[in-house]
All heavy atoms as atom14 arrays in JSON, in Angstrom:
{
  "sequence": "VTPALALSVRPGSEILVHTAFVVREDAFTIFGFESTDELRTFDLLR",
  "atom14_mask": [
    [1, 1, 1, 1, 1, 1, 1, 0, 0, 0, 0, 0, 0, 0],
    [1, 1, 1, 1, 1, 1, 1, 0, 0, 0, 0, 0, 0, 0],
    [1, 1, 1, 1, 1, 1, 1, 0, 0, 0, 0, 0, 0, 0],
    [1, 1, 1, 1, 1, 0, 0, 0, 0, 0, 0, 0, 0, 0],
    [1, 1, 1, 1, 1, 1, 1, 1, 0, 0, 0, 0, 0, 0],
    [1, 1, 1, 1, 1, 0, 0, 0, 0, 0, 0, 0, 0, 0],
    [1, 1, 1, 1, 1, 1, 1, 1, 0, 0, 0, 0, 0, 0],
    [1, 1, 1, 1, 1, 1, 0, 0, 0, 0, 0, 0, 0, 0],
    [1, 1, 1, 1, 1, 1, 1, 0, 0, 0, 0, 0, 0, 0],
    [1, 1, 1, 1, 1, 1, 1, 1, 1, 1, 1, 0, 0, 0],
    [1, 1, 1, 1, 1, 1, 1, 0, 0, 0, 0, 0, 0, 0],
    [1, 1, 1, 1, 0, 0, 0, 0, 0, 0, 0, 0, 0, 0],
    [1, 1, 1, 1, 1, 1, 0, 0, 0, 0, 0, 0, 0, 0],
    [1, 1, 1, 1, 1, 1, 1, 1, 1, 0, 0, 0, 0, 0],
    [1, 1, 1, 1, 1, 1, 1, 1, 0, 0, 0, 0, 0, 0],
    [1, 1, 1, 1, 1, 1, 1, 1, 0, 0, 0, 0, 0, 0],
    [1, 1, 1, 1, 1, 1, 1, 0, 0, 0, 0, 0, 0, 0],
    [1, 1, 1, 1, 1, 1, 1, 1, 1, 1, 0, 0, 0, 0],
    [1, 1, 1, 1, 1, 1, 1, 0, 0, 0, 0, 0, 0, 0],
    [1, 1, 1, 1, 1, 0, 0, 0, 0, 0, 0, 0, 0, 0],
    [1, 1, 1, 1, 1, 1, 1, 1, 1, 1, 1, 0, 0, 0],
    [1, 1, 1, 1, 1, 1, 1, 0, 0, 0, 0, 0, 0, 0],
    [1, 1, 1, 1, 1, 1, 1, 0, 0, 0, 0, 0, 0, 0],
    [1, 1, 1, 1, 1, 1, 1, 1, 1, 1, 1, 0, 0, 0],
    [1, 1, 1, 1, 1, 1, 1, 1, 1, 0, 0, 0, 0, 0],
    [1, 1, 1, 1, 1, 1, 1, 1, 0, 0, 0, 0, 0, 0],
    [1, 1, 1, 1, 1, 0, 0, 0, 0, 0, 0, 0, 0, 0],
    [1, 1, 1, 1, 1, 1, 1, 1, 1, 1, 1, 0, 0, 0],
    [1, 1, 1, 1, 1, 1, 1, 0, 0, 0, 0, 0, 0, 0],
    [1, 1, 1, 1, 1, 1, 1, 1, 0, 0, 0, 0, 0, 0],
    [1, 1, 1, 1, 1, 1, 1, 1, 1, 1, 1, 0, 0, 0],
    [1, 1, 1, 1, 0, 0, 0, 0, 0, 0, 0, 0, 0, 0],
    [1, 1, 1, 1, 1, 1, 1, 1, 1, 1, 1, 0, 0, 0],
    [1, 1, 1, 1, 1, 1, 1, 1, 1, 0, 0, 0, 0, 0],
    [1, 1, 1, 1, 1, 1, 0, 0, 0, 0, 0, 0, 0, 0],
    [1, 1, 1, 1, 1, 1, 1, 0, 0, 0, 0, 0, 0, 0],
    [1, 1, 1, 1, 1, 1, 1, 1, 0, 0, 0, 0, 0, 0],
    [1, 1, 1, 1, 1, 1, 1, 1, 1, 0, 0, 0, 0, 0],
    [1, 1, 1, 1, 1, 1, 1, 1, 0, 0, 0, 0, 0, 0],
    [1, 1, 1, 1, 1, 1, 1, 1, 1, 1, 1, 0, 0, 0],
    [1, 1, 1, 1, 1, 1, 1, 0, 0, 0, 0, 0, 0, 0],
    [1, 1, 1, 1, 1, 1, 1, 1, 1, 1, 1, 0, 0, 0],
    [1, 1, 1, 1, 1, 1, 1, 1, 0, 0, 0, 0, 0, 0],
    [1, 1, 1, 1, 1, 1, 1, 1, 0, 0, 0, 0, 0, 0],
    [1, 1, 1, 1, 1, 1, 1, 1, 0, 0, 0, 0, 0, 0],
    [1, 1, 1, 1, 1, 1, 1, 1, 1, 1, 1, 0, 0, 0]
  ],
  "atom14_positions": [
    [[0.85, -1.22, 0.02], [0.03, 0.03, 0.02], [0.84, 1.19, 0.04], [2.1, 1.17, 0.25], [-0.96, 0.04, 1.23], [-1.84, -1.13, 1.16], [-0.12, 0.07, 2.49], [0.0, 0.0, 0.0], [0.0, 0.0, 0.0], [0.0, 0.0, 0.0], [0.0, 0.0, 0.0], [0.0, 0.0, 0.0], [0.0, 0.0, 0.0], [0.0, 0.0, 0.0]],
    [[0.31, 2.38, -0.27], [1.0, 3.63, -0.12], [1.37, 3.97, 1.25], [0.64, 3.46, 2.21], [0.2, 4.81, -0.73], [-0.93, 5.01, 0.08], [-0.22, 4.6, -2.23], [0.0, 0.0, 0.0], [0.0, 0.0, 0.0], [0.0, 0.0, 0.0], [0.0, 0.0, 0.0], [0.0, 0.0, 0.0], [0.0, 0.0, 0.0], [0.0, 0.0, 0.0]],
    [[2.42, 4.67, 1.57], [2.79, 4.98, 2.88], [1.65, 5.78, 3.69], [1.48, 5.55, 4.8], [3.96, 5.91, 2.83], [4.66, 5.46, 1.49], [3.51, 5.12, 0.62], [0.0, 0.0, 0.0], [0.0, 0.0, 0.0], [0.0, 0.0, 0.0], [0.0, 0.0, 0.0], [0.0, 0.0, 0.0], [0.0, 0.0, 0.0], [0.0, 0.0, 0.0]],
    [[0.93, 6.6, 2.97], [-0.19, 7.3, 3.58], [-1.27, 6.37, 4.05], [-1.81, 6.57, 5.26], [-0.76, 8.35, 2.51], [0.0, 0.0, 0.0], [0.0, 0.0, 0.0], [0.0, 0.0, 0.0], [0.0, 0.0, 0.0], [0.0, 0.0, 0.0], [0.0, 0.0, 0.0], [0.0, 0.0, 0.0], [0.0, 0.0, 0.0], [0.0, 0.0, 0.0]],
    [[-1.63, 5.3, 3.34], [-2.62, 4.33, 3.74], [-2.05, 3.56, 4.95], [-2.71, 3.32, 5.98], [-3.09, 3.4, 2.66], [-4.03, 2.34, 3.01], [-5.28, 2.9, 3.65], [-4.31, 1.55, 1.82], [0.0, 0.0, 0.0], [0.0, 0.0, 0.0], [0.0, 0.0, 0.0], [0.0, 0.0, 0.0], [0.0, 0.0, 0.0], [0.0, 0.0, 0.0]],
    [[-0.82, 3.13, 4.87], [-0.17, 2.36, 5.87], [-0.2, 3.13, 7.3], [-0.42, 2.65, 8.24], [1.21, 1.9, 5.61], [0.0, 0.0, 0.0], [0.0, 0.0, 0.0], [0.0, 0.0, 0.0], [0.0, 0.0, 0.0], [0.0, 0.0, 0.0], [0.0, 0.0, 0.0], [0.0, 0.0, 0.0], [0.0, 0.0, 0.0], [0.0, 0.0, 0.0]],
    [[0.12, 4.49, 7.16], [0.14, 5.29, 8.45], [-1.22, 5.6, 8.94], [-1.4, 5.96, 10.11], [0.94, 6.56, 8.13], [2.43, 6.45, 7.91], [3.03, 7.76, 7.45], [3.08, 5.93, 9.13], [0.0, 0.0, 0.0], [0.0, 0.0, 0.0], [0.0, 0.0, 0.0], [0.0, 0.0, 0.0], [0.0, 0.0, 0.0], [0.0, 0.0, 0.0]],
    [[-2.26, 5.5, 8.13], [-3.54, 5.8, 8.57], [-4.32, 4.64, 9.25], [-5.29, 4.8, 9.83], [-4.45, 6.35, 7.36], [-4.76, 5.26, 6.57], [0.0, 0.0, 0.0], [0.0, 0.0, 0.0], [0.0, 0.0, 0.0], [0.0, 0.0, 0.0], [0.0, 0.0, 0.0], [0.0, 0.0, 0.0], [0.0, 0.0, 0.0], [0.0, 0.0, 0.0]],
    [[-3.76, 3.43, 9.13], [-4.39, 2.25, 9.67], [-3.74, 1.88, 10.98], [-2.57, 1.83, 11.12], [-4.33, 1.08, 8.69], [-4.94, -0.1, 9.29], [-4.98, 1.55, 7.32], [0.0, 0.0, 0.0], [0.0, 0.0, 0.0], [0.0, 0.0, 0.0], [0.0, 0.0, 0.0], [0.0, 0.0, 0.0], [0.0, 0.0, 0.0], [0.0, 0.0, 0.0]],
    [[-4.52, 1.54, 11.94], [-4.06, 1.06, 13.31], [-4.22, -0.41, 13.35], [-5.19, -1.0, 12.84], [-4.73, 1.77, 14.5], [-4.66, 3.18, 14.42], [-3.17, 3.61, 14.85], [-3.0, 4.95, 14.63], [-2.01, 5.55, 13.88], [-1.29, 4.64, 13.24], [-1.83, 6.82, 13.73], [0.0, 0.0, 0.0], [0.0, 0.0, 0.0], [0.0, 0.0, 0.0]],
    [[-3.32, -1.11, 13.98], [-3.51, -2.61, 14.14], [-4.76, -2.98, 14.8], [-5.29, -2.28, 15.77], [-2.27, -2.97, 15.04], [-1.23, -1.99, 14.76], [-2.08, -0.61, 14.56], [0.0, 0.0, 0.0], [0.0, 0.0, 0.0], [0.0, 0.0, 0.0], [0.0, 0.0, 0.0], [0.0, 0.0, 0.0], [0.0, 0.0, 0.0], [0.0, 0.0, 0.0]],
    [[-5.43, -3.94, 14.2], [-6.76, -4.33, 14.75], [-7.95, -3.63, 14.18], [-9.17, -4.04, 14.43], [0.0, 0.0, 0.0], [0.0, 0.0, 0.0], [0.0, 0.0, 0.0], [0.0, 0.0, 0.0], [0.0, 0.0, 0.0], [0.0, 0.0, 0.0], [0.0, 0.0, 0.0], [0.0, 0.0, 0.0], [0.0, 0.0, 0.0], [0.0, 0.0, 0.0]],
    [[-7.73, -2.49, 13.53], [-8.87, -1.78, 12.96], [-9.35, -2.42, 11.73], [-8.69, -3.21, 10.94], [-8.44, -0.32, 12.65], [-7.48, -0.26, 11.66], [0.0, 0.0, 0.0], [0.0, 0.0, 0.0], [0.0, 0.0, 0.0], [0.0, 0.0, 0.0], [0.0, 0.0, 0.0], [0.0, 0.0, 0.0], [0.0, 0.0, 0.0], [0.0, 0.0, 0.0]],
    [[-10.64, -2.19, 11.31], [-11.24, -2.65, 10.14], [-11.25, -1.61, 9.11], [-11.54, -0.47, 9.32], [-12.68, -3.24, 10.4], [-12.72, -4.41, 11.16], [-14.21, -4.97, 11.27], [-15.0, -4.73, 10.32], [-14.39, -5.68, 12.27], [0.0, 0.0, 0.0], [0.0, 0.0, 0.0], [0.0, 0.0, 0.0], [0.0, 0.0, 0.0], [0.0, 0.0, 0.0]],
    [[-10.82, -1.95, 7.89], [-10.77, -1.13, 6.7], [-11.34, -1.78, 5.5], [-11.26, -3.02, 5.36], [-9.3, -0.57, 6.47], [-8.33, -1.63, 6.13], [-8.84, 0.3, 7.65], [-7.06, -1.16, 5.52], [0.0, 0.0, 0.0], [0.0, 0.0, 0.0], [0.0, 0.0, 0.0], [0.0, 0.0, 0.0], [0.0, 0.0, 0.0], [0.0, 0.0, 0.0]],
    [[-11.67, -1.03, 4.56], [-12.02, -1.52, 3.14], [-10.89, -1.14, 2.26], [-10.49, 0.11, 2.18], [-13.36, -0.9, 2.72], [-13.73, -1.21, 1.23], [-14.06, -2.72, 1.05], [-14.84, -0.38, 0.82], [0.0, 0.0, 0.0], [0.0, 0.0, 0.0], [0.0, 0.0, 0.0], [0.0, 0.0, 0.0], [0.0, 0.0, 0.0], [0.0, 0.0, 0.0]],
    [[-10.29, -2.15, 1.62], [-9.21, -1.97, 0.71], [-9.6, -2.47, -0.66], [-9.97, -3.6, -0.77], [-7.93, -2.73, 1.23], [-6.71, -2.51, 0.29], [-7.56, -2.18, 2.6], [0.0, 0.0, 0.0], [0.0, 0.0, 0.0], [0.0, 0.0, 0.0], [0.0, 0.0, 0.0], [0.0, 0.0, 0.0], [0.0, 0.0, 0.0], [0.0, 0.0, 0.0]],
    [[-9.41, -1.64, -1.62], [-9.61, -2.02, -3.11], [-8.31, -2.57, -3.57], [-7.25, -2.04, -3.45], [-10.0, -0.8, -3.96], [-11.24, -0.21, -3.34], [-12.51, -0.56, -3.66], [-11.34, 0.87, -2.51], [-13.44, 0.2, -3.05], [-12.71, 1.08, -2.31], [0.0, 0.0, 0.0], [0.0, 0.0, 0.0], [0.0, 0.0, 0.0], [0.0, 0.0, 0.0]],
    [[-8.25, -3.79, -4.04], [-6.98, -4.54, -4.32], [-6.79, -4.87, -5.87], [-7.81, -4.95, -6.56], [-6.95, -5.86, -3.6], [-7.99, -6.66, -3.97], [-6.88, -5.58, -2.11], [0.0, 0.0, 0.0], [0.0, 0.0, 0.0], [0.0, 0.0, 0.0], [0.0, 0.0, 0.0], [0.0, 0.0, 0.0], [0.0, 0.0, 0.0], [0.0, 0.0, 0.0]],
    [[-5.61, -5.02, -6.22], [-5.12, -5.5, -7.57], [-4.17, -6.66, -7.3], [-3.28, -6.56, -6.47], [-4.51, -4.37, -8.35], [0.0, 0.0, 0.0], [0.0, 0.0, 0.0], [0.0, 0.0, 0.0], [0.0, 0.0, 0.0], [0.0, 0.0, 0.0], [0.0, 0.0, 0.0], [0.0, 0.0, 0.0], [0.0, 0.0, 0.0], [0.0, 0.0, 0.0]],
    [[-4.47, -7.82, -7.9], [-3.66, -8.97, -7.73], [-2.68, -8.99, -8.96], [-3.22, -9.24, -10.13], [-4.48, -10.15, -7.66], [-3.7, -11.43, -7.36], [-2.98, -11.61, -6.19], [-3.87, -12.53, -8.27], [-2.24, -12.82, -5.96], [-3.17, -13.74, -8.04], [-2.47, -13.91, -6.78], [0.0, 0.0, 0.0], [0.0, 0.0, 0.0], [0.0, 0.0, 0.0]],
    [[-1.35, -8.84, -8.76], [-0.46, -8.89, -9.87], [0.35, -10.14, -9.95], [0.97, -10.44, -8.91], [0.48, -7.56, -9.83], [1.52, -7.65, -10.99], [-0.31, -6.34, -9.72], [0.0, 0.0, 0.0], [0.0, 0.0, 0.0], [0.0, 0.0, 0.0], [0.0, 0.0, 0.0], [0.0, 0.0, 0.0], [0.0, 0.0, 0.0], [0.0, 0.0, 0.0]],
    [[0.31, -10.86, -11.05], [0.99, -12.11, -11.18], [2.16, -11.85, -12.15], [2.02, -11.37, -13.22], [0.03, -13.24, -11.73], [0.83, -14.49, -12.02], [-1.2, -13.38, -10.92], [0.0, 0.0, 0.0], [0.0, 0.0, 0.0], [0.0, 0.0, 0.0], [0.0, 0.0, 0.0], [0.0, 0.0, 0.0], [0.0, 0.0, 0.0], [0.0, 0.0, 0.0]],
    [[3.38, -12.18, -11.58], [4.56, -12.13, -12.41], [5.26, -13.51, -12.33], [4.92, -14.41, -11.54], [5.52, -11.07, -11.96], [4.76, -9.63, -11.94], [5.62, -8.64, -11.45], [6.44, -8.16, -12.55], [7.15, -7.04, -12.47], [7.27, -6.33, -11.34], [7.8, -6.52, -13.51], [0.0, 0.0, 0.0], [0.0, 0.0, 0.0], [0.0, 0.0, 0.0]],
    [[6.29, -13.63, -13.17], [7.05, -14.92, -13.13], [7.53, -15.29, -11.71], [7.5, -16.4, -11.38], [8.3, -14.78, -14.03], [7.93, -14.88, -15.52], [9.21, -14.75, -16.3], [10.29, -15.02, -15.76], [9.04, -14.45, -17.57], [0.0, 0.0, 0.0], [0.0, 0.0, 0.0], [0.0, 0.0, 0.0], [0.0, 0.0, 0.0], [0.0, 0.0, 0.0]],
    [[8.06, -14.32, -11.07], [8.7, -14.53, -9.76], [7.81, -14.29, -8.48], [8.37, -14.48, -7.39], [10.06, -13.63, -9.67], [9.82, -12.17, -9.88], [8.78, -11.81, -10.38], [10.63, -11.42, -9.58], [0.0, 0.0, 0.0], [0.0, 0.0, 0.0], [0.0, 0.0, 0.0], [0.0, 0.0, 0.0], [0.0, 0.0, 0.0], [0.0, 0.0, 0.0]],
    [[6.68, -13.66, -8.69], [5.9, -13.35, -7.45], [4.44, -13.11, -7.76], [4.07, -12.75, -8.88], [6.45, -12.11, -6.84], [0.0, 0.0, 0.0], [0.0, 0.0, 0.0], [0.0, 0.0, 0.0], [0.0, 0.0, 0.0], [0.0, 0.0, 0.0], [0.0, 0.0, 0.0], [0.0, 0.0, 0.0], [0.0, 0.0, 0.0], [0.0, 0.0, 0.0]],
    [[3.61, -13.39, -6.73], [2.16, -13.03, -6.84], [2.11, -11.85, -5.71], [2.5, -12.09, -4.55], [1.34, -14.16, -6.29], [1.27, -15.29, -7.15], [1.32, -16.56, -6.82], [1.4, -15.23, -8.56], [1.4, -17.64, -7.49], [1.26, -16.24, -9.44], [1.36, -17.48, -8.91], [0.0, 0.0, 0.0], [0.0, 0.0, 0.0], [0.0, 0.0, 0.0]],
    [[1.65, -10.63, -6.09], [1.61, -9.57, -5.16], [0.27, -8.81, -5.19], [-0.33, -8.81, -6.22], [2.72, -8.51, -5.69], [3.92, -9.17, -5.86], [2.84, -7.5, -4.63], [0.0, 0.0, 0.0], [0.0, 0.0, 0.0], [0.0, 0.0, 0.0], [0.0, 0.0, 0.0], [0.0, 0.0, 0.0], [0.0, 0.0, 0.0], [0.0, 0.0, 0.0]],
    [[-0.17, -8.52, -3.98], [-1.48, -7.84, -3.85], [-1.14, -6.3, -3.54], [-0.3, -6.07, -2.62], [-2.25, -8.45, -2.73], [-2.51, -9.87, -2.97], [-3.6, -7.7, -2.61], [-3.24, -10.6, -1.79], [0.0, 0.0, 0.0], [0.0, 0.0, 0.0], [0.0, 0.0, 0.0], [0.0, 0.0, 0.0], [0.0, 0.0, 0.0], [0.0, 0.0, 0.0]],
    [[-1.77, -5.36, -4.32], [-1.59, -3.98, -4.07], [-2.93, -3.48, -3.53], [-4.06, -3.8, -4.15], [-1.2, -3.29, -5.3], [0.19, -3.55, -5.67], [0.44, -4.68, -6.47], [1.32, -2.86, -5.37], [1.71, -5.07, -6.92], [2.62, -3.23, -5.61], [2.81, -4.34, -6.54], [0.0, 0.0, 0.0], [0.0, 0.0, 0.0], [0.0, 0.0, 0.0]],
    [[-2.89, -2.64, -2.46], [-4.22, -2.21, -1.94], [-4.3, -0.67, -2.02], [-3.3, 0.01, -1.92], [0.0, 0.0, 0.0], [0.0, 0.0, 0.0], [0.0, 0.0, 0.0], [0.0, 0.0, 0.0], [0.0, 0.0, 0.0], [0.0, 0.0, 0.0], [0.0, 0.0, 0.0], [0.0, 0.0, 0.0], [0.0, 0.0, 0.0], [0.0, 0.0, 0.0]],
    [[-5.61, -0.17, -2.11], [-5.81, 1.23, -2.35], [-7.1, 1.62, -1.53], [-7.94, 0.91, -1.31], [-6.02, 1.54, -3.75], [-4.91, 1.08, -4.62], [-4.9, -0.16, -5.24], [-3.75, 1.85, -4.86], [-3.86, -0.61, -6.03], [-2.68, 1.55, -5.58], [-2.75, 0.22, -6.14], [0.0, 0.0, 0.0], [0.0, 0.0, 0.0], [0.0, 0.0, 0.0]],
    [[-7.03, 2.92, -1.08], [-8.17, 3.49, -0.34], [-9.39, 3.65, -1.17], [-10.44, 3.57, -0.66], [-7.7, 4.79, 0.24], [-6.74, 4.74, 1.39], [-6.46, 6.15, 1.97], [-7.24, 6.55, 2.83], [-5.52, 6.77, 1.52], [0.0, 0.0, 0.0], [0.0, 0.0, 0.0], [0.0, 0.0, 0.0], [0.0, 0.0, 0.0], [0.0, 0.0, 0.0]],
    [[-9.27, 3.94, -2.44], [-10.33, 4.26, -3.24], [-10.28, 3.52, -4.61], [-9.27, 3.09, -5.01], [-10.45, 5.8, -3.57], [-9.38, 6.21, -4.34], [0.0, 0.0, 0.0], [0.0, 0.0, 0.0], [0.0, 0.0, 0.0], [0.0, 0.0, 0.0], [0.0, 0.0, 0.0], [0.0, 0.0, 0.0], [0.0, 0.0, 0.0], [0.0, 0.0, 0.0]],
    [[-11.51, 3.51, -5.32], [-11.47, 2.85, -6.62], [-10.86, 3.86, -7.64], [-10.24, 3.34, -8.57], [-13.03, 2.71, -7.05], [-13.71, 3.89, -7.02], [-13.67, 1.58, -6.23], [0.0, 0.0, 0.0], [0.0, 0.0, 0.0], [0.0, 0.0, 0.0], [0.0, 0.0, 0.0], [0.0, 0.0, 0.0], [0.0, 0.0, 0.0], [0.0, 0.0, 0.0]],
    [[-10.83, 5.1, -7.32], [-10.04, 5.92, -8.26], [-8.6, 5.62, -8.27], [-7.94, 5.62, -9.25], [-10.11, 7.5, -7.81], [-11.47, 8.12, -8.32], [-12.12, 7.45, -9.2], [-11.79, 9.24, -7.89], [0.0, 0.0, 0.0], [0.0, 0.0, 0.0], [0.0, 0.0, 0.0], [0.0, 0.0, 0.0], [0.0, 0.0, 0.0], [0.0, 0.0, 0.0]],
    [[-7.98, 5.39, -6.98], [-6.57, 4.99, -6.97], [-6.33, 3.63, -7.67], [-5.28, 3.48, -8.4], [-6.13, 4.92, -5.52], [-5.96, 6.21, -4.79], [-5.46, 6.03, -3.42], [-5.39, 4.9, -2.85], [-4.98, 7.15, -2.84], [0.0, 0.0, 0.0], [0.0, 0.0, 0.0], [0.0, 0.0, 0.0], [0.0, 0.0, 0.0], [0.0, 0.0, 0.0]],
    [[-7.37, 2.79, -7.55], [-7.16, 1.4, -8.2], [-7.18, 1.55, -9.69], [-6.4, 0.96, -10.39], [-8.24, 0.46, -7.66], [-8.28, -0.91, -8.44], [-6.95, -1.67, -8.12], [-9.46, -1.77, -7.73], [0.0, 0.0, 0.0], [0.0, 0.0, 0.0], [0.0, 0.0, 0.0], [0.0, 0.0, 0.0], [0.0, 0.0, 0.0], [0.0, 0.0, 0.0]],
    [[-8.2, 2.38, -10.26], [-8.34, 2.59, -11.68], [-6.99, 3.29, -12.14], [-6.54, 2.99, -13.27], [-9.5, 3.34, -12.0], [-10.77, 2.59, -12.0], [-11.91, 3.38, -12.65], [-12.28, 4.46, -11.74], [-13.28, 4.47, -10.94], [-14.14, 3.44, -10.85], [-13.58, 5.56, -10.25], [0.0, 0.0, 0.0], [0.0, 0.0, 0.0], [0.0, 0.0, 0.0]],
    [[-6.47, 4.24, -11.39], [-5.33, 4.97, -11.82], [-4.11, 3.97, -11.88], [-3.37, 4.03, -12.83], [-5.01, 6.1, -10.81], [-6.09, 6.92, -10.78], [-3.81, 6.78, -11.17], [0.0, 0.0, 0.0], [0.0, 0.0, 0.0], [0.0, 0.0, 0.0], [0.0, 0.0, 0.0], [0.0, 0.0, 0.0], [0.0, 0.0, 0.0], [0.0, 0.0, 0.0]],
    [[-4.0, 3.07, -10.91], [-3.0, 2.14, -10.78], [-3.02, 1.16, -12.1], [-1.92, 0.93, -12.77], [-3.22, 1.2, -9.54], [-2.17, 0.04, -9.39], [-0.95, 0.29, -9.05], [-2.6, -1.24, -9.7], [0.01, -0.74, -8.76], [-1.73, -2.33, -9.43], [-0.38, -2.08, -9.02], [0.0, 0.0, 0.0], [0.0, 0.0, 0.0], [0.0, 0.0, 0.0]],
    [[-4.24, 0.71, -12.49], [-4.4, -0.11, -13.63], [-3.98, 0.63, -14.89], [-3.21, 0.06, -15.75], [-5.68, -0.69, -13.84], [-6.04, -1.73, -12.65], [-5.02, -2.34, -12.18], [-7.19, -1.89, -12.43], [0.0, 0.0, 0.0], [0.0, 0.0, 0.0], [0.0, 0.0, 0.0], [0.0, 0.0, 0.0], [0.0, 0.0, 0.0], [0.0, 0.0, 0.0]],
    [[-4.38, 1.87, -15.01], [-3.99, 2.74, -16.17], [-2.5, 2.95, -16.25], [-1.9, 2.89, -17.33], [-4.76, 4.0, -16.17], [-6.15, 3.96, -16.58], [-6.91, 5.23, -16.36], [-6.4, 3.51, -18.0], [0.0, 0.0, 0.0], [0.0, 0.0, 0.0], [0.0, 0.0, 0.0], [0.0, 0.0, 0.0], [0.0, 0.0, 0.0], [0.0, 0.0, 0.0]],
    [[-1.89, 3.21, -15.18], [-0.41, 3.42, -15.01], [0.35, 2.24, -15.52], [1.32, 2.22, -16.23], [-0.01, 3.95, -13.7], [-0.33, 5.35, -13.25], [-0.11, 5.49, -11.73], [0.44, 6.31, -14.1], [0.0, 0.0, 0.0], [0.0, 0.0, 0.0], [0.0, 0.0, 0.0], [0.0, 0.0, 0.0], [0.0, 0.0, 0.0], [0.0, 0.0, 0.0]],
    [[-0.07, 1.03, -15.07], [0.59, -0.26, -15.35], [0.44, -0.55, -16.83], [1.28, -1.34, -17.45], [-0.04, -1.4, -14.56], [0.51, -1.27, -13.19], [0.19, -2.59, -12.35], [-1.15, -3.04, -12.62], [-1.32, -4.31, -13.01], [-0.37, -5.2, -13.16], [-2.62, -4.68, -13.21], [0.0, 0.0, 0.0], [0.0, 0.0, 0.0], [0.0, 0.0, 0.0]]
  ]
}
């Protein structure tokens, strides 16, 4: 996640995260975002 999202979340708190699952040869990685705008932007940038 972005540092801003990581800093805004406290351990044990409940949040809604919009995710993208990226599959590469060497790794399966999940990227999380606060909003659908950030997720759509992420997909367009990639």
